[in-house]
Amino acid sequence: MTTTPRTWFITGAARGLGTAIAQAALNAGDRIVVAGRNRDALVKVFGEDSDRVLSLTLDVSDLTAAQPAVDVALERFGRIDVLVNNAGYGNLSLFEESTAADVQAQYDTNVFGLMAVTRAVLPSMRANRSGRIFNVSSIGGIAGGESGTLYCASKFAVEGFSESLAQEVARFGIQVTIVEPGFFRTDFLEPTSVKHGSQPIADYAEAAEALKTFYDGRSRNQAGDPAKLGLALVALTNAPQQPVRWAAGSDGFKIVQSKIDSLQAELDAWKDLTLSTDGDFDFRPEIATGAWA
């Protein structure tokens, strides 16, 4: 338990990982601002507002809603020490069986909503010269797969945004961690959350059905324990220096390790061709800036 209670702002807190993270923070003696599309669902889980709990209605896909919600939180508790961008869902469609509207909806929640909440919180953290941000990505944010064209694309975007943001705000004492959960025992794969192809195509019927059967069978049978992930985020917040990336769960660890091994093998296999593309010029590394320039 910390000496001075921190204030956490957690999106998508009415269920799943969001609920577990909020409960862990509350049990650690901190204050929580829990946000979700249905405030009644939040009150049912966390009780009426108190000196340690504030429930707010927030649909992150409404990009105008983040700032007013953050303003209410700041007025109530004076500061936000930890932001957990958890709100999101999975559209597990094969690409041709999805529509442009499906893509937009996936990005509105998983990417643009996350950015809007972060943009609203950052000025306060910057003024305080401190803050912790956890952007909940997925193992699907580091490794793509069939039926992940929309979901993985959105989580890859979260990863690129977060890794870059971490470098921008470190000078203000703000730390950013990308959380990459494997399969956790939540309702993520339930019909109330996950979405599948909205325009079926006969050529994909067999593959689409096999993938849906796989996900249906995995739902509620995942290895990951949400409560333990919540405790882990509290531990990360207590650490002097958070990691930029943190994989959660044994399956998450294996998938990230496999991706690292695959990248290394492919990089080595094509090294000569890669290096052959340099031109004849005077390259001065001292003028390069950033991690990739």
C-alpha atoms as a PDB file:
ATOM      1  CA  MET A   1       0.000   0.000   0.000  1.00  0.00           C
ATOM      2  CA  THR A   2       1.325   3.429  -0.893  1.00  0.00           C
ATOM      3  CA  THR A   3       1.646   6.206   1.705  1.00  0.00           C
ATOM      4  CA  THR A   4      -0.185   8.715  -0.484  1.00  0.00           C
ATOM      5  CA  PRO A   5      -3.131   7.237  -2.386  1.00  0.00           C
ATOM      6  CA  ARG A   6      -2.839   7.467  -6.144  1.00  0.00           C
ATOM      7  CA  THR A   7      -5.763   8.181  -8.427  1.00  0.00           C
ATOM      8  CA  TRP A   8      -6.354   5.744 -11.272  1.00  0.00           C
ATOM      9  CA  PHE A   9      -8.492   6.514 -14.343  1.00  0.00           C
ATOM     10  CA  ILE A  10      -9.584   3.232 -15.944  1.00  0.00           C
ATOM     11  CA  THR A  11     -11.653   2.898 -19.120  1.00  0.00           C
ATOM     12  CA  GLY A  12     -13.773  -0.130 -19.929  1.00  0.00           C
ATOM     13  CA  ALA A  13     -13.975  -0.809 -16.195  1.00  0.00           C
ATOM     14  CA  ALA A  14     -17.413  -2.409 -15.939  1.00  0.00           C
ATOM     15  CA  ARG A  15     -16.179  -5.900 -16.755  1.00  0.00           C
ATOM     16  CA  GLY A  16     -13.229  -8.112 -17.596  1.00  0.00           C
ATOM     17  CA  LEU A  17      -9.702  -6.827 -17.213  1.00  0.00           C
ATOM     18  CA  GLY A  18     -10.904  -3.302 -16.435  1.00  0.00           C
ATOM     19  CA  THR A  19     -12.846  -4.471 -13.385  1.00  0.00           C
ATOM     20  CA  ALA A  20      -9.935  -6.576 -12.167  1.00  0.00           C
ATOM     21  CA  ILE A  21      -7.445  -3.740 -12.537  1.00  0.00           C
ATOM     22  CA  ALA A  22      -9.733  -1.283 -10.749  1.00  0.00           C
ATOM     23  CA  GLN A  23     -10.364  -3.706  -7.897  1.00  0.00           C
ATOM     24  CA  ALA A  24      -6.631  -4.338  -7.471  1.00  0.00           C
ATOM     25  CA  ALA A  25      -5.955  -0.584  -7.312  1.00  0.00           C
ATOM     26  CA  LEU A  26      -8.750  -0.119  -4.773  1.00  0.00           C
ATOM     27  CA  ASN A  27      -7.419  -2.991  -2.646  1.00  0.00           C
ATOM     28  CA  ALA A  28      -3.981  -1.364  -2.742  1.00  0.00           C
ATOM     29  CA  GLY A  29      -5.426   1.681  -0.989  1.00  0.00           C
ATOM     30  CA  ASP A  30      -5.684   3.890  -4.078  1.00  0.00           C
ATOM     31  CA  ARG A  31      -8.599   5.883  -5.485  1.00  0.00           C
ATOM     32  CA  ILE A  32     -10.287   4.893  -8.718  1.00  0.00           C
ATOM     33  CA  VAL A  33     -12.173   6.663 -11.450  1.00  0.00           C
ATOM     34  CA  VAL A  34     -13.947   3.900 -13.333  1.00  0.00           C
ATOM     35  CA  ALA A  35     -15.367   4.735 -16.743  1.00  0.00           C
ATOM     36  CA  GLY A  36     -17.623   2.799 -19.073  1.00  0.00           C
ATOM     37  CA  ARG A  37     -20.552   3.122 -21.426  1.00  0.00           C
ATOM     38  CA  ASN A  38     -23.073   2.131 -18.741  1.00  0.00           C
ATOM     39  CA  ARG A  39     -22.634   3.875 -15.405  1.00  0.00           C
ATOM     40  CA  ASP A  40     -25.235   1.674 -13.737  1.00  0.00           C
ATOM     41  CA  ALA A  41     -23.064  -1.362 -14.495  1.00  0.00           C
ATOM     42  CA  LEU A  42     -20.120   0.375 -12.833  1.00  0.00           C
ATOM     43  CA  VAL A  43     -22.138   1.237  -9.725  1.00  0.00           C
ATOM     44  CA  LYS A  44     -23.310  -2.369  -9.524  1.00  0.00           C
ATOM     45  CA  VAL A  45     -19.685  -3.536  -9.408  1.00  0.00           C
ATOM     46  CA  PHE A  46     -18.033  -0.806  -7.324  1.00  0.00           C
ATOM     47  CA  GLY A  47     -20.920   0.686  -5.342  1.00  0.00           C
ATOM     48  CA  GLU A  48     -22.019   4.288  -5.087  1.00  0.00           C
ATOM     49  CA  ASP A  49     -19.497   7.098  -5.421  1.00  0.00           C
ATOM     50  CA  SER A  50     -17.384   7.711  -2.351  1.00  0.00           C
ATOM     51  CA  ASP A  51     -14.166   9.399  -1.294  1.00  0.00           C
ATOM     52  CA  ARG A  52     -12.291   6.621  -3.126  1.00  0.00           C
ATOM     53  CA  VAL A  53     -14.570   5.717  -6.039  1.00  0.00           C
ATOM     54  CA  LEU A  54     -16.002   7.765  -8.888  1.00  0.00           C
ATOM     55  CA  SER A  55     -18.016   6.149 -11.690  1.00  0.00           C
ATOM     56  CA  LEU A  56     -18.358   7.971 -14.998  1.00  0.00           C
ATOM     57  CA  THR A  57     -20.216   7.349 -18.224  1.00  0.00           C
ATOM     58  CA  LEU A  58     -17.706   7.288 -21.075  1.00  0.00           C
ATOM     59  CA  ASP A  59     -17.968   5.798 -24.534  1.00  0.00           C
ATOM     60  CA  VAL A  60     -14.420   6.228 -25.803  1.00  0.00           C
ATOM     61  CA  SER A  61     -15.571   5.956 -29.410  1.00  0.00           C
ATOM     62  CA  ASP A  62     -17.245   9.337 -28.899  1.00  0.00           C
ATOM     63  CA  LEU A  63     -14.117  11.450 -29.316  1.00  0.00           C
ATOM     64  CA  THR A  64     -15.786  14.478 -27.713  1.00  0.00           C
ATOM     65  CA  ALA A  65     -16.532  12.627 -24.471  1.00  0.00           C
ATOM     66  CA  ALA A  66     -13.043  12.068 -23.086  1.00  0.00           C
ATOM     67  CA  GLN A  67     -12.205  15.625 -22.015  1.00  0.00           C
ATOM     68  CA  PRO A  68     -15.416  16.247 -20.019  1.00  0.00           C
ATOM     69  CA  ALA A  69     -14.970  12.907 -18.218  1.00  0.00           C
ATOM     70  CA  VAL A  70     -11.360  13.683 -17.344  1.00  0.00           C
ATOM     71  CA  ASP A  71     -12.354  17.179 -16.181  1.00  0.00           C
ATOM     72  CA  VAL A  72     -14.882  15.670 -13.756  1.00  0.00           C
ATOM     73  CA  ALA A  73     -12.236  13.286 -12.411  1.00  0.00           C
ATOM     74  CA  LEU A  74      -9.741  16.102 -11.895  1.00  0.00           C
ATOM     75  CA  GLU A  75     -12.332  18.282 -10.198  1.00  0.00           C
ATOM     76  CA  ARG A  76     -13.175  15.420  -7.832  1.00  0.00           C
ATOM     77  CA  PHE A  77      -9.711  14.104  -6.947  1.00  0.00           C
ATOM     78  CA  GLY A  78      -7.349  16.870  -8.077  1.00  0.00           C
ATOM     79  CA  ARG A  79      -5.035  14.660 -10.112  1.00  0.00           C
ATOM     80  CA  ILE A  80      -4.758  11.491 -12.178  1.00  0.00           C
ATOM     81  CA  ASP A  81      -1.653   9.471 -11.370  1.00  0.00           C
ATOM     82  CA  VAL A  82      -2.349   6.321 -13.376  1.00  0.00           C
ATOM     83  CA  LEU A  83      -4.229   6.053 -16.661  1.00  0.00           C
ATOM     84  CA  VAL A  84      -5.315   2.621 -17.869  1.00  0.00           C
ATOM     85  CA  ASN A  85      -6.612   2.676 -21.434  1.00  0.00           C
ATOM     86  CA  ASN A  86      -8.414  -0.649 -21.319  1.00  0.00           C
ATOM     87  CA  ALA A  87     -11.620  -0.063 -23.304  1.00  0.00           C
ATOM     88  CA  GLY A  88     -11.688  -2.061 -26.524  1.00  0.00           C
ATOM     89  CA  TYR A  89     -13.146  -5.030 -28.346  1.00  0.00           C
ATOM     90  CA  GLY A  90     -12.143  -7.524 -30.999  1.00  0.00           C
ATOM     91  CA  ASN A  91     -13.463  -7.662 -34.546  1.00  0.00           C
ATOM     92  CA  LEU A  92     -12.217 -11.100 -35.546  1.00  0.00           C
ATOM     93  CA  SER A  93     -13.322 -10.997 -39.164  1.00  0.00           C
ATOM     94  CA  LEU A  94     -11.483 -12.273 -42.181  1.00  0.00           C
ATOM     95  CA  PHE A  95     -10.635  -9.085 -44.048  1.00  0.00           C
ATOM     96  CA  GLU A  96     -12.839  -9.554 -47.119  1.00  0.00           C
ATOM     97  CA  GLU A  97     -15.750 -10.427 -44.869  1.00  0.00           C
ATOM     98  CA  SER A  98     -15.494  -7.055 -43.119  1.00  0.00           C
ATOM     99  CA  THR A  99     -16.619  -3.636 -44.307  1.00  0.00           C
ATOM    100  CA  ALA A 100     -15.110  -0.163 -44.212  1.00  0.00           C
ATOM    101  CA  ALA A 101     -17.596   0.617 -41.433  1.00  0.00           C
ATOM    102  CA  ASP A 102     -16.252  -2.353 -39.429  1.00  0.00           C
ATOM    103  CA  VAL A 103     -12.725  -0.991 -39.791  1.00  0.00           C
ATOM    104  CA  GLN A 104     -13.791   2.492 -38.718  1.00  0.00           C
ATOM    105  CA  ALA A 105     -15.641   1.177 -35.661  1.00  0.00           C
ATOM    106  CA  GLN A 106     -12.669  -0.947 -34.611  1.00  0.00           C
ATOM    107  CA  TYR A 107     -10.292   2.006 -34.833  1.00  0.00           C
ATOM    108  CA  ASP A 108     -12.745   4.449 -33.235  1.00  0.00           C
ATOM    109  CA  THR A 109     -12.693   2.396 -30.025  1.00  0.00           C
ATOM    110  CA  ASN A 110      -9.290   0.703 -29.931  1.00  0.00           C
ATOM    111  CA  VAL A 111      -7.150   3.513 -31.349  1.00  0.00           C
ATOM    112  CA  PHE A 112      -8.822   6.897 -31.660  1.00  0.00           C
ATOM    113  CA  GLY A 113     -10.691   6.528 -28.364  1.00  0.00           C
ATOM    114  CA  LEU A 114      -7.486   5.556 -26.587  1.00  0.00           C
ATOM    115  CA  MET A 115      -5.716   8.563 -28.082  1.00  0.00           C
ATOM    116  CA  ALA A 116      -8.535  10.923 -27.074  1.00  0.00           C
ATOM    117  CA  VAL A 117      -8.440   9.816 -23.433  1.00  0.00           C
ATOM    118  CA  THR A 118      -4.644  10.047 -23.381  1.00  0.00           C
ATOM    119  CA  ARG A 119      -4.749  13.539 -24.892  1.00  0.00           C
ATOM    120  CA  ALA A 120      -7.201  14.618 -22.198  1.00  0.00           C
ATOM    121  CA  VAL A 121      -5.117  13.245 -19.317  1.00  0.00           C
ATOM    122  CA  LEU A 122      -1.609  14.252 -20.408  1.00  0.00           C
ATOM    123  CA  PRO A 123      -1.746  18.002 -19.573  1.00  0.00           C
ATOM    124  CA  SER A 124      -2.434  17.234 -15.901  1.00  0.00           C
ATOM    125  CA  MET A 125       0.325  14.612 -15.725  1.00  0.00           C
ATOM    126  CA  ARG A 126       2.714  16.953 -17.508  1.00  0.00           C
ATOM    127  CA  ALA A 127       1.933  19.740 -15.044  1.00  0.00           C
ATOM    128  CA  ASN A 128       2.605  17.354 -12.153  1.00  0.00           C
ATOM    129  CA  ARG A 129       5.786  16.081 -13.848  1.00  0.00           C
ATOM    130  CA  SER A 130       4.699  12.527 -13.091  1.00  0.00           C
ATOM    131  CA  GLY A 131       2.296   9.870 -14.292  1.00  0.00           C
ATOM    132  CA  ARG A 132       1.908   6.266 -15.324  1.00  0.00           C
ATOM    133  CA  ILE A 133       0.070   5.198 -18.479  1.00  0.00           C
ATOM    134  CA  PHE A 134      -0.897   1.620 -19.306  1.00  0.00           C
ATOM    135  CA  ASN A 135      -2.205   1.105 -22.835  1.00  0.00           C
ATOM    136  CA  VAL A 136      -3.810  -2.299 -23.060  1.00  0.00           C
ATOM    137  CA  SER A 137      -2.795  -3.862 -26.341  1.00  0.00           C
ATOM    138  CA  SER A 138      -2.721  -7.621 -26.910  1.00  0.00           C
ATOM    139  CA  ILE A 139      -0.468 -10.370 -28.148  1.00  0.00           C
ATOM    140  CA  GLY A 140      -2.371  -9.450 -31.306  1.00  0.00           C
ATOM    141  CA  GLY A 141      -0.483  -6.161 -31.197  1.00  0.00           C
ATOM    142  CA  ILE A 142       2.837  -7.862 -31.821  1.00  0.00           C
ATOM    143  CA  ALA A 143       1.854 -10.932 -33.845  1.00  0.00           C
ATOM    144  CA  GLY A 144      -0.817 -11.013 -36.534  1.00  0.00           C
ATOM    145  CA  GLY A 145      -2.906 -14.003 -37.501  1.00  0.00           C
ATOM    146  CA  GLU A 146      -5.922 -15.159 -39.456  1.00  0.00           C
ATOM    147  CA  SER A 147      -9.071 -13.187 -38.592  1.00  0.00           C
ATOM    148  CA  GLY A 148      -6.888 -10.529 -36.977  1.00  0.00           C
ATOM    149  CA  THR A 149      -6.710  -8.094 -39.882  1.00  0.00           C
ATOM    150  CA  LEU A 150      -8.863  -5.481 -38.147  1.00  0.00           C
ATOM    151  CA  TYR A 151      -8.152  -6.244 -34.503  1.00  0.00           C
ATOM    152  CA  CYS A 152      -4.413  -6.777 -34.868  1.00  0.00           C
ATOM    153  CA  ALA A 153      -4.091  -3.724 -37.106  1.00  0.00           C
ATOM    154  CA  SER A 154      -5.706  -1.608 -34.378  1.00  0.00           C
ATOM    155  CA  LYS A 155      -3.462  -3.059 -31.683  1.00  0.00           C
ATOM    156  CA  PHE A 156      -0.332  -2.651 -33.843  1.00  0.00           C
ATOM    157  CA  ALA A 157      -1.371   1.012 -34.060  1.00  0.00           C
ATOM    158  CA  VAL A 158      -1.648   1.185 -30.263  1.00  0.00           C
ATOM    159  CA  GLU A 159       1.857  -0.259 -29.965  1.00  0.00           C
ATOM    160  CA  GLY A 160       3.417   2.223 -32.380  1.00  0.00           C
ATOM    161  CA  PHE A 161       1.609   5.121 -30.738  1.00  0.00           C
ATOM    162  CA  SER A 162       2.598   4.031 -27.236  1.00  0.00           C
ATOM    163  CA  GLU A 163       6.246   3.326 -27.992  1.00  0.00           C
ATOM    164  CA  SER A 164       6.591   6.755 -29.597  1.00  0.00           C
ATOM    165  CA  LEU A 165       4.628   8.517 -26.853  1.00  0.00           C
ATOM    166  CA  ALA A 166       6.846   6.949 -24.193  1.00  0.00           C
ATOM    167  CA  GLN A 167       9.835   8.768 -25.688  1.00  0.00           C
ATOM    168  CA  GLU A 168       7.979  12.074 -25.969  1.00  0.00           C
ATOM    169  CA  VAL A 169       6.740  12.246 -22.378  1.00  0.00           C
ATOM    170  CA  ALA A 170       9.637  10.646 -20.493  1.00  0.00           C
ATOM    171  CA  ARG A 171      11.148  14.123 -20.070  1.00  0.00           C
ATOM    172  CA  PHE A 172       8.144  14.999 -17.873  1.00  0.00           C
ATOM    173  CA  GLY A 173       8.471  11.991 -15.579  1.00  0.00           C
ATOM    174  CA  ILE A 174       5.625  10.169 -17.336  1.00  0.00           C
ATOM    175  CA  GLN A 175       6.069   6.466 -18.044  1.00  0.00           C
ATOM    176  CA  VAL A 176       4.152   4.508 -20.676  1.00  0.00           C
ATOM    177  CA  THR A 177       3.748   0.736 -20.751  1.00  0.00           C
ATOM    178  CA  ILE A 178       2.161  -1.361 -23.491  1.00  0.00           C
ATOM    179  CA  VAL A 179       0.310  -4.259 -21.866  1.00  0.00           C
ATOM    180  CA  GLU A 180       0.178  -7.339 -24.096  1.00  0.00           C
ATOM    181  CA  PRO A 181      -2.227  -9.886 -22.575  1.00  0.00           C
ATOM    182  CA  GLY A 182      -2.544 -13.370 -23.947  1.00  0.00           C
ATOM    183  CA  PHE A 183      -5.911 -15.113 -23.586  1.00  0.00           C
ATOM    184  CA  PHE A 184      -7.526 -14.139 -20.271  1.00  0.00           C
ATOM    185  CA  ARG A 185     -10.710 -15.513 -18.723  1.00  0.00           C
ATOM    186  CA  THR A 186     -13.037 -12.635 -19.565  1.00  0.00           C
ATOM    187  CA  ASP A 187     -16.026 -12.144 -21.858  1.00  0.00           C
ATOM    188  CA  PHE A 188     -13.757 -10.882 -24.658  1.00  0.00           C
ATOM    189  CA  LEU A 189     -14.754 -13.830 -26.886  1.00  0.00           C
ATOM    190  CA  GLU A 190     -18.426 -13.783 -25.911  1.00  0.00           C
ATOM    191  CA  PRO A 191     -21.061 -12.653 -28.472  1.00  0.00           C
ATOM    192  CA  THR A 192     -21.668  -9.524 -26.370  1.00  0.00           C
ATOM    193  CA  SER A 193     -18.118  -8.380 -27.130  1.00  0.00           C
ATOM    194  CA  VAL A 194     -16.450 -10.056 -30.098  1.00  0.00           C
ATOM    195  CA  LYS A 195     -17.585  -9.405 -33.670  1.00  0.00           C
ATOM    196  CA  HIS A 196     -17.191 -11.664 -36.682  1.00  0.00           C
ATOM    197  CA  GLY A 197     -17.571 -11.139 -40.428  1.00  0.00           C
ATOM    198  CA  SER A 198     -20.512  -8.957 -41.428  1.00  0.00           C
ATOM    199  CA  GLN A 199     -20.556  -9.949 -45.106  1.00  0.00           C
ATOM    200  CA  PRO A 200     -19.921 -13.718 -45.501  1.00  0.00           C
ATOM    201  CA  ILE A 201     -18.142 -14.932 -48.644  1.00  0.00           C
ATOM    202  CA  ALA A 202     -18.536 -18.529 -49.779  1.00  0.00           C
ATOM    203  CA  ASP A 203     -14.822 -19.019 -50.503  1.00  0.00           C
ATOM    204  CA  TYR A 204     -14.031 -18.240 -46.859  1.00  0.00           C
ATOM    205  CA  ALA A 205     -16.921 -20.186 -45.291  1.00  0.00           C
ATOM    206  CA  GLU A 206     -14.881 -23.167 -44.116  1.00  0.00           C
ATOM    207  CA  ALA A 207     -12.040 -21.065 -42.695  1.00  0.00           C
ATOM    208  CA  ALA A 208     -14.413 -18.588 -41.035  1.00  0.00           C
ATOM    209  CA  GLU A 209     -16.403 -21.358 -39.370  1.00  0.00           C
ATOM    210  CA  ALA A 210     -13.245 -23.101 -38.131  1.00  0.00           C
ATOM    211  CA  LEU A 211     -11.935 -19.887 -36.618  1.00  0.00           C
ATOM    212  CA  LYS A 212     -15.249 -19.068 -34.964  1.00  0.00           C
ATOM    213  CA  THR A 213     -15.431 -22.595 -33.533  1.00  0.00           C
ATOM    214  CA  PHE A 214     -11.923 -22.195 -32.135  1.00  0.00           C
ATOM    215  CA  TYR A 215     -12.729 -18.893 -30.440  1.00  0.00           C
ATOM    216  CA  ASP A 216     -16.076 -20.145 -29.108  1.00  0.00           C
ATOM    217  CA  GLY A 217     -14.317 -23.141 -27.590  1.00  0.00           C
ATOM    218  CA  ARG A 218     -11.642 -20.964 -25.997  1.00  0.00           C
ATOM    219  CA  SER A 219     -14.132 -18.523 -24.437  1.00  0.00           C
ATOM    220  CA  ARG A 220     -14.228 -18.746 -20.634  1.00  0.00           C
ATOM    221  CA  ASN A 221     -11.515 -21.442 -20.788  1.00  0.00           C
ATOM    222  CA  GLN A 222      -8.556 -19.091 -21.125  1.00  0.00           C
ATOM    223  CA  ALA A 223      -5.523 -19.623 -18.906  1.00  0.00           C
ATOM    224  CA  GLY A 224      -5.091 -16.007 -17.816  1.00  0.00           C
ATOM    225  CA  ASP A 225      -6.507 -14.841 -14.470  1.00  0.00           C
ATOM    226  CA  PRO A 226      -7.759 -11.209 -14.648  1.00  0.00           C
ATOM    227  CA  ALA A 227      -7.295 -10.692 -10.904  1.00  0.00           C
ATOM    228  CA  LYS A 228      -3.618 -11.589 -11.168  1.00  0.00           C
ATOM    229  CA  LEU A 229      -3.174  -9.194 -14.081  1.00  0.00           C
ATOM    230  CA  GLY A 230      -4.681  -6.454 -11.922  1.00  0.00           C
ATOM    231  CA  LEU A 231      -2.185  -7.213  -9.146  1.00  0.00           C
ATOM    232  CA  ALA A 232       0.630  -7.171 -11.706  1.00  0.00           C
ATOM    233  CA  LEU A 233      -0.307  -3.659 -12.879  1.00  0.00           C
ATOM    234  CA  VAL A 234      -0.233  -2.429  -9.288  1.00  0.00           C
ATOM    235  CA  ALA A 235       3.241  -3.978  -8.965  1.00  0.00           C
ATOM    236  CA  LEU A 236       4.373  -2.273 -12.174  1.00  0.00           C
ATOM    237  CA  THR A 237       3.055   1.051 -10.910  1.00  0.00           C
ATOM    238  CA  ASN A 238       5.088   0.604  -7.724  1.00  0.00           C
ATOM    239  CA  ALA A 239       8.263  -0.099  -9.711  1.00  0.00           C
ATOM    240  CA  PRO A 240      10.630   2.865 -10.110  1.00  0.00           C
ATOM    241  CA  GLN A 241      10.874   2.168 -13.845  1.00  0.00           C
ATOM    242  CA  GLN A 242       8.152   0.444 -15.846  1.00  0.00           C
ATOM    243  CA  PRO A 243       8.927  -1.576 -18.973  1.00  0.00           C
ATOM    244  CA  VAL A 244       7.827  -0.131 -22.304  1.00  0.00           C
ATOM    245  CA  ARG A 245       6.307  -3.514 -23.162  1.00  0.00           C
ATOM    246  CA  TRP A 246       4.956  -6.104 -20.763  1.00  0.00           C
ATOM    247  CA  ALA A 247       3.538  -9.448 -21.923  1.00  0.00           C
ATOM    248  CA  ALA A 248       0.912 -10.990 -19.648  1.00  0.00           C
ATOM    249  CA  GLY A 249       0.411 -14.728 -19.319  1.00  0.00           C
ATOM    250  CA  SER A 250       2.396 -17.783 -20.322  1.00  0.00           C
ATOM    251  CA  ASP A 251       0.813 -17.836 -23.779  1.00  0.00           C
ATOM    252  CA  GLY A 252       1.634 -14.158 -24.198  1.00  0.00           C
ATOM    253  CA  PHE A 253       5.244 -14.850 -23.278  1.00  0.00           C
ATOM    254  CA  LYS A 254       5.501 -17.710 -25.773  1.00  0.00           C
ATOM    255  CA  ILE A 255       3.976 -15.717 -28.625  1.00  0.00           C
ATOM    256  CA  VAL A 256       6.216 -12.707 -28.040  1.00  0.00           C
ATOM    257  CA  GLN A 257       9.283 -14.962 -27.839  1.00  0.00           C
ATOM    258  CA  SER A 258       8.239 -16.718 -31.049  1.00  0.00           C
ATOM    259  CA  LYS A 259       7.859 -13.345 -32.788  1.00  0.00           C
ATOM    260  CA  ILE A 260      11.321 -12.273 -31.646  1.00  0.00           C
ATOM    261  CA  ASP A 261      12.828 -15.543 -32.919  1.00  0.00           C
ATOM    262  CA  SER A 262      10.978 -15.247 -36.240  1.00  0.00           C
ATOM    263  CA  LEU A 263      12.102 -11.649 -36.754  1.00  0.00           C
ATOM    264  CA  GLN A 264      15.709 -12.532 -35.981  1.00  0.00           C
ATOM    265  CA  ALA A 265      15.703 -15.514 -38.318  1.00  0.00           C
ATOM    266  CA  GLU A 266      14.176 -13.521 -41.164  1.00  0.00           C
ATOM    267  CA  LEU A 267      16.506 -10.581 -40.581  1.00  0.00           C
ATOM    268  CA  ASP A 268      19.538 -12.870 -40.686  1.00  0.00           C
ATOM    269  CA  ALA A 269      18.307 -14.748 -43.763  1.00  0.00           C
ATOM    270  CA  TRP A 270      17.960 -11.560 -45.816  1.00  0.00           C
ATOM    271  CA  LYS A 271      20.809  -9.565 -44.288  1.00  0.00           C
ATOM    272  CA  ASP A 272      22.941  -9.377 -47.432  1.00  0.00           C
ATOM    273  CA  LEU A 273      20.078  -8.117 -49.593  1.00  0.00           C
ATOM    274  CA  THR A 274      19.078  -5.645 -46.860  1.00  0.00           C
ATOM    275  CA  LEU A 275      22.563  -4.154 -46.618  1.00  0.00           C
ATOM    276  CA  SER A 276      22.923  -4.030 -50.399  1.00  0.00           C
ATOM    277  CA  THR A 277      20.417  -1.175 -50.639  1.00  0.00           C
ATOM    278  CA  ASP A 278      22.675   1.463 -49.016  1.00  0.00           C
ATOM    279  CA  GLY A 279      23.859   4.188 -51.352  1.00  0.00           C
ATOM    280  CA  ASP A 280      27.301   5.769 -51.656  1.00  0.00           C
ATOM    281  CA  PHE A 281      27.084   8.782 -49.371  1.00  0.00           C
ATOM    282  CA  ASP A 282      28.603  10.115 -46.186  1.00  0.00           C
ATOM    283  CA  PHE A 283      26.260   8.901 -43.469  1.00  0.00           C
ATOM    284  CA  ARG A 284      26.722  10.751 -40.204  1.00  0.00           C
ATOM    285  CA  PRO A 285      24.861   8.988 -37.374  1.00  0.00           C
ATOM    286  CA  GLU A 286      25.202  12.020 -35.118  1.00  0.00           C
ATOM    287  CA  ILE A 287      22.564  13.867 -37.164  1.00  0.00           C
ATOM    288  CA  ALA A 288      20.033  11.051 -36.906  1.00  0.00           C
ATOM    289  CA  THR A 289      17.337  11.449 -34.285  1.00  0.00           C
ATOM    290  CA  GLY A 290      14.819   9.063 -32.786  1.00  0.00           C
ATOM    291  CA  ALA A 291      14.873   5.306 -32.577  1.00  0.00           C
ATOM    292  CA  TRP A 292      14.285   4.691 -36.268  1.00  0.00           C
ATOM    293  CA  ALA A 293      15.718   7.766 -38.082  1.00  0.00           C
END
